[in-house]
Amino acid sequence: MKNRLKVLRAEHNLTQDELGKMLGVSRQAVNALETEKHSPSLDLAYRIATVFKQPVEQIFQNPHTVAEAEV
């Protein structure tokens, strides 16, 4: 799932390990999200949104939304 996690983490001067600790997950889990190897659970997506004080939709792209160019 496309996301802005890496950009947001850099903007907040957080390492993957620091963010992982804030979220209750491993550094490897943060890396897997950033590289789009895994999608977050709904619970984790909301925890991430809370950390960055942004709506989930501002961080993660909905894969079920049809792009305007495809309509």
N, C-alpha and C. Protein backbone atom coordinates (compact mmCIF):
# COMPACT_ATOMS: atom_id res chain seq x y z
N MET A 1 0.85 -1.17 0.00
CA MET A 1 0.00 0.00 0.00
C MET A 1 0.90 1.23 0.00
N LYS A 2 0.67 2.12 -0.97
CA LYS A 2 1.47 3.34 -1.04
C LYS A 2 1.19 4.19 0.19
N ASN A 3 2.28 4.81 0.70
CA ASN A 3 2.14 5.63 1.89
C ASN A 3 3.21 6.71 1.94
N ARG A 4 3.03 7.62 2.88
CA ARG A 4 3.96 8.73 3.10
C ARG A 4 4.75 8.54 4.39
N LEU A 5 4.82 7.33 4.87
CA LEU A 5 5.41 7.07 6.18
C LEU A 5 6.87 7.50 6.26
N LYS A 6 7.68 7.16 5.27
CA LYS A 6 9.10 7.51 5.29
C LYS A 6 9.29 9.02 5.32
N VAL A 7 8.50 9.73 4.52
CA VAL A 7 8.59 11.20 4.47
C VAL A 7 8.20 11.80 5.81
N LEU A 8 7.10 11.33 6.36
CA LEU A 8 6.65 11.85 7.66
C LEU A 8 7.65 11.56 8.76
N ARG A 9 8.21 10.37 8.73
CA ARG A 9 9.20 10.00 9.76
C ARG A 9 10.41 10.93 9.66
N ALA A 10 10.87 11.20 8.44
CA ALA A 10 12.02 12.09 8.25
C ALA A 10 11.68 13.52 8.69
N GLU A 11 10.48 13.98 8.37
CA GLU A 11 10.06 15.33 8.77
C GLU A 11 10.05 15.49 10.29
N HIS A 12 9.79 14.39 10.99
CA HIS A 12 9.75 14.42 12.45
C HIS A 12 11.06 13.97 13.09
N ASN A 13 12.10 13.82 12.25
CA ASN A 13 13.43 13.43 12.72
C ASN A 13 13.41 12.18 13.59
N LEU A 14 12.67 11.17 13.13
CA LEU A 14 12.57 9.91 13.85
C LEU A 14 13.31 8.82 13.09
N THR A 15 13.99 7.95 13.81
CA THR A 15 14.56 6.77 13.17
C THR A 15 13.46 5.72 13.07
N GLN A 16 13.70 4.68 12.28
CA GLN A 16 12.74 3.59 12.21
C GLN A 16 12.57 2.94 13.57
N ASP A 17 13.66 2.82 14.31
CA ASP A 17 13.60 2.21 15.64
C ASP A 17 12.76 3.06 16.59
N GLU A 18 12.96 4.37 16.57
CA GLU A 18 12.18 5.27 17.44
C GLU A 18 10.69 5.20 17.12
N LEU A 19 10.37 5.25 15.83
CA LEU A 19 8.96 5.17 15.44
C LEU A 19 8.39 3.82 15.83
N GLY A 20 9.14 2.77 15.62
CA GLY A 20 8.67 1.44 16.00
C GLY A 20 8.34 1.35 17.47
N LYS A 21 9.19 1.92 18.30
CA LYS A 21 8.94 1.90 19.75
C LYS A 21 7.68 2.70 20.09
N MET A 22 7.47 3.82 19.40
CA MET A 22 6.27 4.62 19.65
C MET A 22 5.00 3.85 19.26
N LEU A 23 5.13 3.02 18.23
CA LEU A 23 3.98 2.27 17.72
C LEU A 23 3.82 0.89 18.34
N GLY A 24 4.84 0.43 19.05
CA GLY A 24 4.79 -0.90 19.64
C GLY A 24 5.10 -2.00 18.62
N VAL A 25 5.91 -1.66 17.61
CA VAL A 25 6.32 -2.64 16.60
C VAL A 25 7.84 -2.57 16.44
N SER A 26 8.40 -3.50 15.71
CA SER A 26 9.84 -3.53 15.50
C SER A 26 10.28 -2.54 14.42
N ARG A 27 11.58 -2.27 14.41
CA ARG A 27 12.15 -1.45 13.33
C ARG A 27 11.90 -2.11 11.99
N GLN A 28 12.00 -3.44 11.96
CA GLN A 28 11.78 -4.17 10.72
C GLN A 28 10.35 -4.00 10.21
N ALA A 29 9.40 -3.92 11.12
CA ALA A 29 8.00 -3.71 10.73
C ALA A 29 7.83 -2.33 10.10
N VAL A 30 8.47 -1.32 10.67
CA VAL A 30 8.42 0.02 10.11
C VAL A 30 9.04 0.02 8.71
N ASN A 31 10.17 -0.65 8.57
CA ASN A 31 10.81 -0.75 7.27
C ASN A 31 9.92 -1.43 6.24
N ALA A 32 9.26 -2.50 6.64
CA ALA A 32 8.37 -3.23 5.72
C ALA A 32 7.20 -2.34 5.28
N LEU A 33 6.71 -1.49 6.15
CA LEU A 33 5.64 -0.56 5.79
C LEU A 33 6.16 0.50 4.82
N GLU A 34 7.32 1.06 5.15
CA GLU A 34 7.89 2.12 4.31
C GLU A 34 8.22 1.63 2.91
N THR A 35 8.66 0.41 2.79
CA THR A 35 9.03 -0.14 1.48
C THR A 35 7.85 -0.82 0.79
N GLU A 36 6.69 -0.71 1.41
CA GLU A 36 5.43 -1.23 0.87
C GLU A 36 5.44 -2.74 0.68
N LYS A 37 6.23 -3.43 1.50
CA LYS A 37 6.24 -4.89 1.47
C LYS A 37 5.06 -5.46 2.24
N HIS A 38 4.56 -4.67 3.20
CA HIS A 38 3.41 -5.07 4.00
C HIS A 38 2.49 -3.87 4.17
N SER A 39 1.21 -4.16 4.32
CA SER A 39 0.22 -3.13 4.63
C SER A 39 -0.09 -3.19 6.12
N PRO A 40 -0.36 -2.05 6.73
CA PRO A 40 -0.64 -2.06 8.15
C PRO A 40 -2.04 -2.59 8.45
N SER A 41 -2.18 -3.14 9.64
CA SER A 41 -3.53 -3.46 10.11
C SER A 41 -4.26 -2.15 10.32
N LEU A 42 -5.56 -2.20 10.44
CA LEU A 42 -6.33 -0.99 10.67
C LEU A 42 -5.91 -0.34 11.99
N ASP A 43 -5.69 -1.15 13.00
CA ASP A 43 -5.25 -0.64 14.30
C ASP A 43 -3.92 0.09 14.17
N LEU A 44 -2.96 -0.51 13.47
CA LEU A 44 -1.65 0.12 13.32
C LEU A 44 -1.75 1.39 12.48
N ALA A 45 -2.56 1.38 11.45
CA ALA A 45 -2.74 2.58 10.63
C ALA A 45 -3.26 3.74 11.48
N TYR A 46 -4.20 3.46 12.38
CA TYR A 46 -4.72 4.51 13.26
C TYR A 46 -3.68 4.96 14.28
N ARG A 47 -2.85 4.04 14.76
CA ARG A 47 -1.77 4.44 15.68
C ARG A 47 -0.78 5.35 14.97
N ILE A 48 -0.45 5.02 13.72
CA ILE A 48 0.46 5.87 12.93
C ILE A 48 -0.16 7.24 12.72
N ALA A 49 -1.43 7.29 12.36
CA ALA A 49 -2.11 8.56 12.17
C ALA A 49 -2.10 9.40 13.44
N THR A 50 -2.24 8.75 14.58
CA THR A 50 -2.22 9.47 15.86
C THR A 50 -0.84 10.05 16.13
N VAL A 51 0.21 9.29 15.88
CA VAL A 51 1.58 9.77 16.09
C VAL A 51 1.84 11.02 15.26
N PHE A 52 1.42 11.00 14.00
CA PHE A 52 1.70 12.12 13.11
C PHE A 52 0.58 13.16 13.07
N LYS A 53 -0.46 12.94 13.87
CA LYS A 53 -1.57 13.89 13.98
C LYS A 53 -2.16 14.25 12.60
N GLN A 54 -2.38 13.20 11.80
CA GLN A 54 -2.96 13.35 10.48
C GLN A 54 -4.00 12.27 10.27
N PRO A 55 -4.98 12.52 9.41
CA PRO A 55 -5.95 11.47 9.09
C PRO A 55 -5.25 10.32 8.36
N VAL A 56 -5.77 9.13 8.53
CA VAL A 56 -5.21 7.95 7.87
C VAL A 56 -5.10 8.18 6.37
N GLU A 57 -6.11 8.83 5.79
CA GLU A 57 -6.14 9.07 4.34
C GLU A 57 -5.01 9.98 3.87
N GLN A 58 -4.44 10.77 4.77
CA GLN A 58 -3.31 11.64 4.41
C GLN A 58 -1.99 10.88 4.39
N ILE A 59 -1.98 9.71 5.01
CA ILE A 59 -0.76 8.92 5.12
C ILE A 59 -0.76 7.74 4.15
N PHE A 60 -1.89 7.08 4.04
CA PHE A 60 -1.99 5.88 3.21
C PHE A 60 -2.93 6.11 2.04
N GLN A 61 -2.53 5.63 0.86
CA GLN A 61 -3.37 5.74 -0.33
C GLN A 61 -4.33 4.56 -0.35
N ASN A 62 -5.60 4.86 -0.57
CA ASN A 62 -6.61 3.82 -0.65
C ASN A 62 -6.42 3.06 -1.97
N PRO A 63 -6.07 1.78 -1.94
CA PRO A 63 -5.84 1.04 -3.18
C PRO A 63 -7.12 0.75 -3.96
N HIS A 64 -8.26 1.02 -3.35
CA HIS A 64 -9.54 0.74 -3.99
C HIS A 64 -10.15 1.96 -4.65
N THR A 65 -9.49 3.10 -4.56
CA THR A 65 -9.95 4.31 -5.20
C THR A 65 -9.49 4.32 -6.64
N VAL A 66 -10.39 4.56 -7.54
CA VAL A 66 -10.06 4.62 -8.96
C VAL A 66 -9.47 5.99 -9.26
N ALA A 67 -8.30 6.01 -9.87
CA ALA A 67 -7.67 7.27 -10.23
C ALA A 67 -8.52 7.99 -11.27
N GLU A 68 -8.52 9.31 -11.23
CA GLU A 68 -9.32 10.11 -12.17
C GLU A 68 -8.97 9.78 -13.61
N ALA A 69 -7.71 9.50 -13.89
CA ALA A 69 -7.28 9.21 -15.26
C ALA A 69 -7.87 7.89 -15.76
N GLU A 70 -8.22 7.01 -14.83
CA GLU A 70 -8.76 5.71 -15.21
C GLU A 70 -10.26 5.74 -15.44
N VAL A 71 -10.92 6.82 -15.06
CA VAL A 71 -12.38 6.91 -15.18
C VAL A 71 -12.79 7.21 -16.59
